[in-house]
N, C-alpha and C. Protein backbone atom coordinates (compact mmCIF):
# COMPACT_ATOMS: atom_id res chain seq x y z
N MET A 1 0.99 -1.12 -0.04
CA MET A 1 -0.02 0.04 0.02
C MET A 1 0.78 1.25 -0.09
N PRO A 2 0.76 2.32 -0.96
CA PRO A 2 1.54 3.49 -1.00
C PRO A 2 1.29 4.28 0.17
N ASN A 3 2.31 5.20 0.82
CA ASN A 3 2.42 5.86 1.75
C ASN A 3 1.59 7.09 1.46
N SER A 4 0.26 7.36 2.31
CA SER A 4 -0.60 8.36 1.85
C SER A 4 -0.54 9.67 2.67
N ALA A 5 0.61 9.45 3.39
CA ALA A 5 0.67 10.64 4.64
C ALA A 5 1.20 11.81 3.74
N PRO A 6 0.55 13.02 3.96
CA PRO A 6 0.80 13.96 3.39
C PRO A 6 2.13 14.57 3.61
N GLN A 7 2.97 15.03 2.64
CA GLN A 7 4.26 15.51 2.56
C GLN A 7 4.15 17.00 3.10
N PRO A 8 5.28 17.41 4.09
CA PRO A 8 5.21 18.75 4.58
C PRO A 8 5.35 19.71 3.32
N ALA A 9 4.91 20.74 3.27
CA ALA A 9 4.96 21.86 2.30
C ALA A 9 6.55 22.28 2.49
N ASP A 10 7.02 22.63 1.16
CA ASP A 10 8.24 23.19 1.18
C ASP A 10 8.01 24.79 1.09
N LEU A 11 8.54 25.48 2.36
CA LEU A 11 8.23 26.82 2.49
C LEU A 11 9.18 27.80 1.82
N ARG A 12 10.15 27.23 1.12
CA ARG A 12 11.36 27.84 0.72
C ARG A 12 10.88 28.85 -0.91
N PRO A 13 10.09 28.18 -1.63
CA PRO A 13 9.46 28.98 -2.61
C PRO A 13 8.51 30.06 -2.18
N PHE A 14 7.92 29.71 -1.20
CA PHE A 14 6.87 30.81 -0.71
C PHE A 14 7.49 31.93 -0.09
N MET A 15 8.80 31.65 0.86
CA MET A 15 9.26 32.83 1.40
C MET A 15 10.22 33.41 0.45
N ALA A 16 10.65 32.76 -0.70
CA ALA A 16 11.52 33.55 -1.63
C ALA A 16 10.67 34.61 -2.40
N GLY A 17 9.27 34.46 -2.29
CA GLY A 17 8.20 35.57 -2.94
C GLY A 17 8.20 36.87 -1.96
N PHE A 18 8.95 36.64 -0.79
CA PHE A 18 8.49 37.71 0.35
C PHE A 18 10.01 38.28 0.46
N PRO A 19 10.26 39.52 -0.44
CA PRO A 19 11.69 40.06 -0.45
C PRO A 19 11.59 40.91 1.02
N SER A 20 12.91 40.85 1.39
CA SER A 20 13.47 41.55 2.60
C SER A 20 14.77 42.01 2.42
N GLY A 21 15.18 42.72 3.39
CA GLY A 21 16.50 43.15 3.77
C GLY A 21 17.16 42.00 3.89
N VAL A 22 18.80 42.38 3.90
CA VAL A 22 19.83 41.33 4.15
C VAL A 22 20.51 41.97 5.47
N SER A 23 20.84 40.92 6.06
CA SER A 23 21.83 41.21 7.48
C SER A 23 22.70 40.22 7.40
N VAL A 24 23.73 40.66 8.38
CA VAL A 24 24.86 39.92 9.08
C VAL A 24 24.60 40.03 10.39
N VAL A 25 24.35 38.74 11.08
CA VAL A 25 24.53 38.45 12.36
C VAL A 25 25.89 38.55 12.81
N THR A 26 26.48 39.29 13.58
CA THR A 26 28.10 39.00 14.16
C THR A 26 28.07 38.82 15.89
N THR A 27 29.02 38.40 16.15
CA THR A 27 29.21 38.41 17.93
C THR A 27 30.96 37.75 17.72
N LEU A 28 31.09 37.68 18.95
CA LEU A 28 32.66 37.46 19.40
C LEU A 28 32.66 35.93 20.18
N ASP A 29 33.42 35.15 19.96
CA ASP A 29 33.82 33.91 20.73
C ASP A 29 34.28 34.26 22.10
N ALA A 30 34.63 33.13 22.78
CA ALA A 30 34.99 33.12 23.96
C ALA A 30 36.72 33.78 23.93
N ASP A 31 37.24 33.67 22.73
CA ASP A 31 38.58 33.99 22.59
C ASP A 31 38.71 35.52 21.79
N ALA A 32 37.38 35.88 21.64
CA ALA A 32 37.38 37.38 21.04
C ALA A 32 37.59 37.25 19.52
N SER A 33 37.48 36.23 19.22
CA SER A 33 37.54 35.88 17.45
C SER A 33 35.92 36.15 17.00
N PRO A 34 35.91 37.08 15.80
CA PRO A 34 34.60 37.39 15.43
C PRO A 34 34.15 36.14 14.60
N ARG A 35 32.81 36.05 14.65
CA ARG A 35 31.88 35.02 14.16
C ARG A 35 30.61 35.73 13.44
N GLY A 36 30.03 35.18 12.42
CA GLY A 36 28.92 35.71 11.77
C GLY A 36 28.44 35.23 10.57
N MET A 37 27.06 35.47 10.24
CA MET A 37 26.37 34.69 9.07
C MET A 37 25.59 35.54 8.67
N THR A 38 25.18 35.40 7.32
CA THR A 38 24.12 36.26 6.79
C THR A 38 22.82 35.74 7.13
N CYS A 39 21.87 36.46 7.26
CA CYS A 39 20.58 36.18 8.07
C CYS A 39 19.45 37.01 7.52
N SER A 40 18.51 36.59 6.65
CA SER A 40 17.39 37.33 6.42
C SER A 40 15.98 37.24 6.98
N SER A 41 16.05 36.28 7.94
CA SER A 41 15.05 36.06 8.74
C SER A 41 15.19 36.72 10.16
N LEU A 42 14.43 38.07 10.08
CA LEU A 42 14.45 38.75 11.35
C LEU A 42 13.02 39.78 10.95
N ALA A 43 12.81 40.34 12.44
CA ALA A 43 11.59 41.08 12.59
C ALA A 43 11.57 42.19 13.85
N SER A 44 10.97 42.99 13.65
CA SER A 44 10.75 43.94 14.96
C SER A 44 9.75 43.23 15.62
N VAL A 45 9.97 43.05 17.14
CA VAL A 45 8.97 42.58 17.84
C VAL A 45 8.25 43.86 18.65
N ALA A 46 9.05 44.65 19.25
CA ALA A 46 8.28 45.41 20.13
C ALA A 46 9.19 46.92 20.22
N LEU A 47 8.59 48.05 20.54
CA LEU A 47 9.36 49.11 20.47
C LEU A 47 9.56 49.52 21.86
N GLY A 48 8.94 48.96 22.92
CA GLY A 48 9.43 49.14 24.33
C GLY A 48 8.91 47.80 25.03
N PRO A 49 10.26 47.15 25.68
CA PRO A 49 11.66 47.47 24.99
C PRO A 49 11.70 47.34 23.64
N PRO A 50 12.84 48.05 23.05
CA PRO A 50 13.18 47.78 21.63
C PRO A 50 13.84 46.33 21.56
N THR A 51 12.91 45.55 20.73
CA THR A 51 13.35 43.85 20.80
C THR A 51 13.12 43.66 19.33
N LEU A 52 14.15 42.79 18.79
CA LEU A 52 14.16 42.21 17.45
C LEU A 52 14.01 40.65 17.83
N VAL A 53 13.71 39.88 16.74
CA VAL A 53 13.81 38.34 16.69
C VAL A 53 14.73 37.98 15.42
N VAL A 54 15.62 37.31 15.53
CA VAL A 54 16.51 36.75 14.27
C VAL A 54 16.21 35.28 14.51
N CYS A 55 16.12 34.40 13.28
CA CYS A 55 15.76 33.07 13.33
C CYS A 55 16.98 32.38 12.63
N ILE A 56 17.42 31.67 13.41
CA ILE A 56 18.88 31.02 12.93
C ILE A 56 18.73 29.54 12.94
N ARG A 57 19.43 28.91 12.06
CA ARG A 57 19.40 27.49 11.83
C ARG A 57 20.10 26.95 13.19
N THR A 58 19.29 26.02 13.79
CA THR A 58 19.83 25.61 15.21
C THR A 58 21.07 25.02 15.02
N ALA A 59 21.51 24.29 14.10
CA ALA A 59 22.97 23.55 13.92
C ALA A 59 23.90 24.53 13.52
N SER A 60 23.77 25.90 13.48
CA SER A 60 24.89 27.05 13.01
C SER A 60 25.98 26.97 14.09
N PRO A 61 27.09 27.08 13.76
CA PRO A 61 28.08 27.38 14.75
C PRO A 61 28.08 28.95 15.29
N THR A 62 27.64 29.57 14.37
CA THR A 62 27.51 31.05 14.96
C THR A 62 26.37 31.21 15.85
N LEU A 63 25.30 30.54 15.86
CA LEU A 63 24.29 30.41 17.03
C LEU A 63 24.92 30.23 18.20
N ASP A 64 25.57 28.92 18.37
CA ASP A 64 26.27 28.55 19.37
C ASP A 64 26.78 29.50 20.10
N VAL A 65 27.90 30.14 19.42
CA VAL A 65 28.57 31.42 20.06
C VAL A 65 27.78 32.36 20.61
N LEU A 66 26.72 32.82 19.59
CA LEU A 66 25.86 33.99 20.17
C LEU A 66 25.22 33.74 21.40
N LEU A 67 24.61 32.49 21.46
CA LEU A 67 24.07 32.16 22.62
C LEU A 67 24.94 32.19 24.09
N ALA A 68 26.34 31.72 23.85
CA ALA A 68 27.20 31.53 24.88
C ALA A 68 27.57 32.91 25.22
N GLN A 69 27.70 33.82 24.17
CA GLN A 69 27.95 35.26 24.57
C GLN A 69 27.02 36.10 25.05
N GLY A 70 25.72 35.63 24.54
CA GLY A 70 24.54 36.50 25.05
C GLY A 70 24.24 37.86 24.36
N GLN A 71 25.07 38.13 23.19
CA GLN A 71 24.93 39.46 22.64
C GLN A 71 25.40 39.32 21.03
N PHE A 72 24.89 40.19 20.41
CA PHE A 72 25.29 40.36 19.05
C PHE A 72 25.07 41.67 18.44
N ALA A 73 25.64 41.70 17.10
CA ALA A 73 25.33 43.06 16.47
C ALA A 73 24.56 42.49 15.35
N LEU A 74 23.60 43.19 14.67
CA LEU A 74 22.65 42.91 13.55
C LEU A 74 23.12 44.05 12.38
N ASN A 75 23.93 43.61 11.52
CA ASN A 75 24.32 44.66 10.37
C ASN A 75 23.56 44.53 9.28
N LEU A 76 22.72 45.56 8.87
CA LEU A 76 21.74 45.60 7.74
C LEU A 76 22.58 46.17 6.77
N LEU A 77 22.63 45.30 5.47
CA LEU A 77 23.46 45.40 4.62
C LEU A 77 23.12 46.56 3.51
N HIS A 78 23.87 47.44 3.16
CA HIS A 78 23.53 48.48 2.02
C HIS A 78 23.64 47.74 0.75
N GLU A 79 23.16 48.41 -0.29
CA GLU A 79 23.03 47.76 -1.69
C GLU A 79 24.12 47.41 -2.39
N ARG A 80 25.29 48.15 -1.86
CA ARG A 80 26.42 47.74 -2.63
C ARG A 80 27.13 46.53 -1.80
N ALA A 81 26.50 45.95 -1.02
CA ALA A 81 27.32 44.88 -0.07
C ALA A 81 27.12 43.43 -0.45
N ARG A 82 26.59 43.40 -1.80
CA ARG A 82 25.97 41.91 -1.94
C ARG A 82 27.29 40.92 -1.98
N ALA A 83 28.39 41.21 -2.18
CA ALA A 83 29.62 40.47 -1.93
C ALA A 83 29.71 40.04 -0.44
N THR A 84 29.57 40.87 0.44
CA THR A 84 29.63 40.55 1.71
C THR A 84 28.67 39.67 2.08
N SER A 85 27.30 39.75 1.51
CA SER A 85 26.11 38.83 2.06
C SER A 85 26.49 37.49 1.54
N ASP A 86 27.01 37.32 0.25
CA ASP A 86 27.57 36.06 -0.36
C ASP A 86 28.72 35.45 0.65
N LEU A 87 29.63 36.43 1.04
CA LEU A 87 30.83 35.95 1.75
C LEU A 87 30.28 35.33 2.93
N PHE A 88 29.31 36.12 3.80
CA PHE A 88 28.93 35.54 5.03
C PHE A 88 27.98 34.33 4.95
N ALA A 89 27.27 34.00 3.87
CA ALA A 89 26.47 32.83 3.57
C ALA A 89 27.61 31.72 3.33
N SER A 90 28.48 31.91 2.78
CA SER A 90 29.32 30.84 2.39
C SER A 90 30.00 30.12 3.62
N GLY A 91 30.06 30.56 4.44
CA GLY A 91 30.97 29.80 5.64
C GLY A 91 32.22 29.85 5.51
N ALA A 92 32.85 30.86 4.44
CA ALA A 92 34.44 31.01 4.57
C ALA A 92 34.96 31.12 5.79
N PRO A 93 36.01 30.38 6.28
CA PRO A 93 36.62 30.78 7.42
C PRO A 93 37.58 32.26 7.61
N ASP A 94 37.64 32.58 6.65
CA ASP A 94 38.42 33.87 6.51
C ASP A 94 37.72 35.20 6.28
N ARG A 95 36.22 35.10 6.51
CA ARG A 95 35.27 36.27 6.02
C ARG A 95 35.67 37.28 6.75
N PHE A 96 36.16 37.50 8.24
CA PHE A 96 36.31 38.73 8.81
C PHE A 96 37.62 39.30 8.25
N GLU A 97 38.54 38.39 7.66
CA GLU A 97 39.70 38.89 6.90
C GLU A 97 39.43 39.70 5.77
N ARG A 98 38.45 39.36 5.11
CA ARG A 98 37.87 39.75 3.83
C ARG A 98 36.91 41.02 3.94
N THR A 99 36.62 41.55 4.86
CA THR A 99 35.47 42.77 5.06
C THR A 99 36.30 43.60 6.14
N GLU A 100 35.89 44.81 5.97
CA GLU A 100 36.16 45.79 7.08
C GLU A 100 35.42 45.62 8.34
N TRP A 101 35.93 45.69 9.54
CA TRP A 101 34.90 45.66 10.65
C TRP A 101 35.57 46.25 11.80
N ARG A 102 34.71 46.96 12.76
CA ARG A 102 35.16 47.57 13.79
C ARG A 102 34.54 46.88 15.15
N LEU A 103 34.95 47.12 16.14
CA LEU A 103 34.27 46.67 17.43
C LEU A 103 34.28 47.77 18.52
N PRO A 104 33.49 48.79 18.26
CA PRO A 104 33.17 50.10 19.21
C PRO A 104 32.97 49.49 20.63
N LEU A 105 33.36 50.51 21.49
CA LEU A 105 33.06 50.10 22.97
C LEU A 105 31.37 49.84 23.24
N GLY A 106 31.45 48.89 23.68
CA GLY A 106 29.87 48.43 24.14
C GLY A 106 29.12 47.83 23.02
N ALA A 107 30.03 47.48 21.96
CA ALA A 107 29.02 46.80 20.60
C ALA A 107 28.78 45.34 21.12
N GLY A 108 27.76 44.88 20.42
CA GLY A 108 27.25 43.54 20.85
C GLY A 108 28.02 42.43 20.04
N GLY A 109 28.53 42.98 18.88
CA GLY A 109 29.60 42.00 18.00
C GLY A 109 30.09 43.10 17.01
N PRO A 110 30.68 42.61 16.05
CA PRO A 110 31.54 43.38 14.97
C PRO A 110 30.58 44.10 14.03
N HIS A 111 30.85 45.41 13.78
CA HIS A 111 30.10 46.28 13.08
C HIS A 111 30.98 46.08 11.75
N LEU A 112 30.15 45.76 10.63
CA LEU A 112 30.80 45.87 9.24
C LEU A 112 30.38 47.08 8.81
N THR A 113 31.34 47.98 9.21
CA THR A 113 31.40 49.41 8.95
C THR A 113 31.18 49.98 7.38
N ALA A 114 31.89 49.05 6.69
CA ALA A 114 31.89 49.41 5.19
C ALA A 114 30.70 49.00 4.23
N ASP A 115 29.94 47.95 4.79
CA ASP A 115 28.95 47.35 4.25
C ASP A 115 27.51 47.48 4.72
N ALA A 116 27.45 48.29 6.08
CA ALA A 116 26.16 48.13 6.87
C ALA A 116 25.59 49.74 6.60
N HIS A 117 24.19 49.59 6.43
CA HIS A 117 23.72 51.11 6.22
C HIS A 117 22.99 51.26 7.66
N ALA A 118 22.69 50.03 8.44
CA ALA A 118 22.28 50.31 9.93
C ALA A 118 22.77 49.26 10.77
N ILE A 119 22.98 49.45 12.02
CA ILE A 119 23.69 48.30 12.90
C ILE A 119 22.88 48.35 14.14
N ALA A 120 22.48 47.16 14.62
CA ALA A 120 21.69 47.20 16.16
C ALA A 120 22.34 46.46 17.02
N ASP A 121 22.86 46.91 18.05
CA ASP A 121 23.74 46.11 18.95
C ASP A 121 22.58 45.56 19.97
N CYS A 122 22.77 44.16 19.98
CA CYS A 122 21.69 43.64 20.79
C CYS A 122 22.31 42.40 22.03
N ALA A 123 21.33 42.46 23.00
CA ALA A 123 21.38 41.58 23.82
C ALA A 123 20.27 40.34 24.02
N VAL A 124 20.74 39.19 24.15
CA VAL A 124 19.74 38.07 23.91
C VAL A 124 18.74 38.13 25.38
N VAL A 125 17.43 37.94 25.20
CA VAL A 125 16.63 37.83 26.17
C VAL A 125 15.81 36.76 26.40
N LYS A 126 15.64 36.14 25.20
CA LYS A 126 14.98 34.59 25.06
C LYS A 126 15.13 34.03 23.73
N THR A 127 15.03 32.62 23.87
CA THR A 127 15.09 31.87 22.41
C THR A 127 14.00 30.80 22.91
N VAL A 128 13.72 30.50 21.64
CA VAL A 128 12.52 29.61 21.54
C VAL A 128 13.06 28.65 20.18
N GLY A 129 13.07 27.36 20.51
CA GLY A 129 13.46 26.45 19.56
C GLY A 129 12.26 25.89 18.74
N PHE A 130 12.48 25.93 17.49
CA PHE A 130 11.30 25.22 16.54
C PHE A 130 11.67 24.74 15.43
N GLY A 131 11.40 23.43 15.28
CA GLY A 131 11.80 22.72 14.08
C GLY A 131 13.33 22.67 13.96
N ASP A 132 14.00 23.29 12.83
CA ASP A 132 15.34 23.12 12.58
C ASP A 132 15.86 24.55 12.79
N HIS A 133 15.10 25.74 13.55
CA HIS A 133 15.70 27.00 13.73
C HIS A 133 15.51 27.29 14.88
N THR A 134 16.18 28.28 15.52
CA THR A 134 15.95 28.83 16.80
C THR A 134 15.86 30.21 16.70
N ALA A 135 14.63 30.71 17.20
CA ALA A 135 14.11 32.31 17.44
C ALA A 135 14.96 32.73 18.55
N VAL A 136 15.67 33.97 18.20
CA VAL A 136 16.50 34.56 19.07
C VAL A 136 15.92 35.89 19.46
N PHE A 137 15.12 35.96 20.66
CA PHE A 137 14.81 37.62 20.83
C PHE A 137 15.54 38.38 21.61
N ALA A 138 15.99 39.59 21.09
CA ALA A 138 17.06 40.28 21.72
C ALA A 138 16.64 41.72 21.71
N GLU A 139 17.03 42.51 23.00
CA GLU A 139 16.71 43.81 23.12
C GLU A 139 17.83 44.60 22.65
N VAL A 140 17.37 45.52 22.11
CA VAL A 140 18.49 46.39 21.32
C VAL A 140 18.78 47.58 22.23
N SER A 141 20.19 47.61 22.27
CA SER A 141 20.88 48.87 23.26
C SER A 141 21.33 50.25 22.62
N ARG A 142 21.48 49.91 21.17
CA ARG A 142 21.99 51.00 20.31
C ARG A 142 21.89 50.70 19.15
N VAL A 143 21.49 51.96 18.38
CA VAL A 143 21.11 51.73 16.79
C VAL A 143 22.22 52.80 16.26
N THR A 144 22.84 52.16 15.19
CA THR A 144 23.32 53.24 14.22
C THR A 144 23.22 53.21 12.83
N VAL A 145 22.83 54.26 12.34
CA VAL A 145 22.31 54.28 10.80
C VAL A 145 23.03 55.42 10.18
N ARG A 146 23.35 55.08 8.88
CA ARG A 146 23.98 55.86 7.81
C ARG A 146 22.71 56.13 7.00
N GLU A 147 22.35 57.51 7.01
CA GLU A 147 21.26 57.97 6.14
C GLU A 147 21.42 57.84 4.57
N THR A 148 22.41 58.12 4.32
CA THR A 148 22.78 58.23 3.11
C THR A 148 22.85 56.75 2.19
N ALA A 149 23.23 55.56 2.95
CA ALA A 149 23.01 54.34 2.21
C ALA A 149 21.76 53.88 2.13
N GLN A 150 21.54 53.03 1.07
CA GLN A 150 20.43 52.37 0.89
C GLN A 150 20.47 50.87 1.08
N PRO A 151 19.30 50.20 1.41
CA PRO A 151 19.11 48.86 1.74
C PRO A 151 19.50 48.04 0.48
N LEU A 152 20.03 46.61 0.82
CA LEU A 152 20.04 45.65 -0.14
C LEU A 152 19.03 44.75 0.10
N LEU A 153 18.22 44.39 -0.96
CA LEU A 153 17.21 43.47 -0.88
C LEU A 153 17.44 42.15 -1.60
N TYR A 154 16.64 41.24 -1.11
CA TYR A 154 16.88 39.73 -1.57
C TYR A 154 15.48 39.20 -1.70
N GLY A 155 15.02 38.57 -2.67
CA GLY A 155 13.94 37.88 -2.96
C GLY A 155 13.93 37.11 -4.23
N ARG A 156 13.30 35.94 -4.38
CA ARG A 156 13.28 35.17 -5.39
C ARG A 156 14.49 34.81 -5.74
N ARG A 157 15.38 34.57 -4.88
CA ARG A 157 16.66 33.96 -4.98
C ARG A 157 17.65 35.08 -5.87
N ARG A 158 17.18 36.35 -5.60
CA ARG A 158 18.02 37.43 -6.42
C ARG A 158 18.28 38.52 -5.22
N TYR A 159 19.27 39.43 -5.59
CA TYR A 159 19.37 40.79 -5.04
C TYR A 159 18.69 41.56 -5.84
N ALA A 160 18.57 42.87 -5.20
CA ALA A 160 17.87 43.89 -6.01
C ALA A 160 18.55 45.10 -4.96
N ARG A 161 18.50 46.41 -5.48
CA ARG A 161 18.69 47.67 -4.76
C ARG A 161 17.58 48.27 -4.35
N TRP A 162 17.67 48.74 -3.28
CA TRP A 162 16.45 49.66 -2.89
C TRP A 162 16.21 50.94 -3.70
N SER A 163 17.62 51.59 -4.17
CA SER A 163 17.25 52.75 -5.00
C SER A 163 16.59 52.66 -6.38
N ASP A 164 16.88 51.22 -6.87
CA ASP A 164 16.13 50.92 -8.27
C ASP A 164 14.78 50.68 -7.94
N ALA A 165 14.25 50.16 -6.87
CA ALA A 165 13.00 49.95 -6.50
C ALA A 165 12.34 51.26 -6.19
N ALA A 166 12.99 52.13 -5.51
CA ALA A 166 12.27 53.47 -5.07
C ALA A 166 12.08 54.17 -6.18
N ALA A 167 13.08 54.07 -7.23
CA ALA A 167 12.93 54.98 -8.36
C ALA A 167 11.66 54.84 -9.23
N VAL A 168 10.84 53.59 -9.10
CA VAL A 168 9.70 53.42 -9.80
C VAL A 168 8.73 54.42 -9.27
N PRO A 169 8.33 55.05 -10.34
CA PRO A 169 7.10 56.25 -9.91
C PRO A 169 5.77 55.35 -9.01
N GLN A 170 5.27 56.18 -8.07
CA GLN A 170 4.31 55.72 -7.31
C GLN A 170 2.86 55.50 -8.13
N PRO A 171 2.14 54.71 -8.02
CA PRO A 171 0.94 54.46 -8.92
C PRO A 171 0.04 55.81 -8.72
N ALA A 172 -0.79 56.21 -9.61
CA ALA A 172 -1.79 57.35 -9.52
C ALA A 172 -2.66 56.95 -8.20
N ALA A 173 -2.92 58.22 -7.65
CA ALA A 173 -4.04 58.11 -6.64
C ALA A 173 -5.24 57.53 -7.13
N ALA A 174 -5.75 56.42 -6.31
CA ALA A 174 -7.32 56.04 -6.94
C ALA A 174 -8.26 57.00 -6.46
N PRO A 175 -9.19 57.43 -7.56
CA PRO A 175 -10.17 58.25 -7.15
C PRO A 175 -10.93 57.99 -5.93
N SER A 176 -11.61 58.93 -5.07
CA SER A 176 -12.30 58.65 -4.04
C SER A 176 -13.59 58.02 -4.51
N GLU A 177 -14.02 57.14 -3.39
CA GLU A 177 -15.28 56.43 -3.70
C GLU A 177 -16.43 57.44 -4.17
N GLY A 178 -16.59 58.46 -3.80
CA GLY A 178 -17.86 59.23 -4.31
C GLY A 178 -17.68 59.82 -5.70
N ALA A 179 -16.12 60.26 -6.10
CA ALA A 179 -15.76 60.67 -7.46
C ALA A 179 -16.24 59.61 -8.42
N ALA A 180 -15.77 58.01 -8.08
CA ALA A 180 -15.92 57.32 -8.96
C ALA A 180 -17.66 56.97 -9.25
N ARG A 181 -18.27 57.44 -8.45
CA ARG A 181 -19.79 56.98 -8.92
C ARG A 181 -20.41 58.10 -10.11
N VAL A 182 -20.81 57.29 -10.82
CA VAL A 182 -21.68 58.22 -12.12
C VAL A 182 -22.99 58.13 -11.80
N ARG A 183 -23.51 59.42 -12.13
CA ARG A 183 -24.99 59.73 -11.73
C ARG A 183 -25.77 59.50 -13.05
N ARG A 184 -26.71 58.85 -12.81
CA ARG A 184 -27.54 58.73 -14.11
C ARG A 184 -28.90 59.31 -13.98
């Protein structure tokens, strides 16, 4: 008899249709060596206290270090930082040697100063494991924003530049409901 149990849905094509910004999560291990990975699964949770959630593959070595240290930096990449996104997604052991970074006093992790348009320093407040990922809830202690840089976007397994998307003219305003009625 064939197995009639339903197969779980493959969520990847669905989520590929949900474009988002691109970030790199960074932290330091116990020897003060930098660790990091590309992450596009994040969201704002609350403004008071300022809290974010990042979802990271539970088997990730970066997650292990991040949880042991209890803090990290979330670097939102600017539109010219595609190579950095690819580098940190690759797992290359020399990724911090191939990108510019600094560790300001009080930072949660390395700041990718040449590649980020915004950086949030975060302290872990809660984790929730679910399936093959761990949701890390973190309170934001400091935000650094470069107003002149534009976000890097990712969706449908492709990168896009915010400035290109923002250059598309806005649609014409829809007529008000009253103006749309035709009197007979």
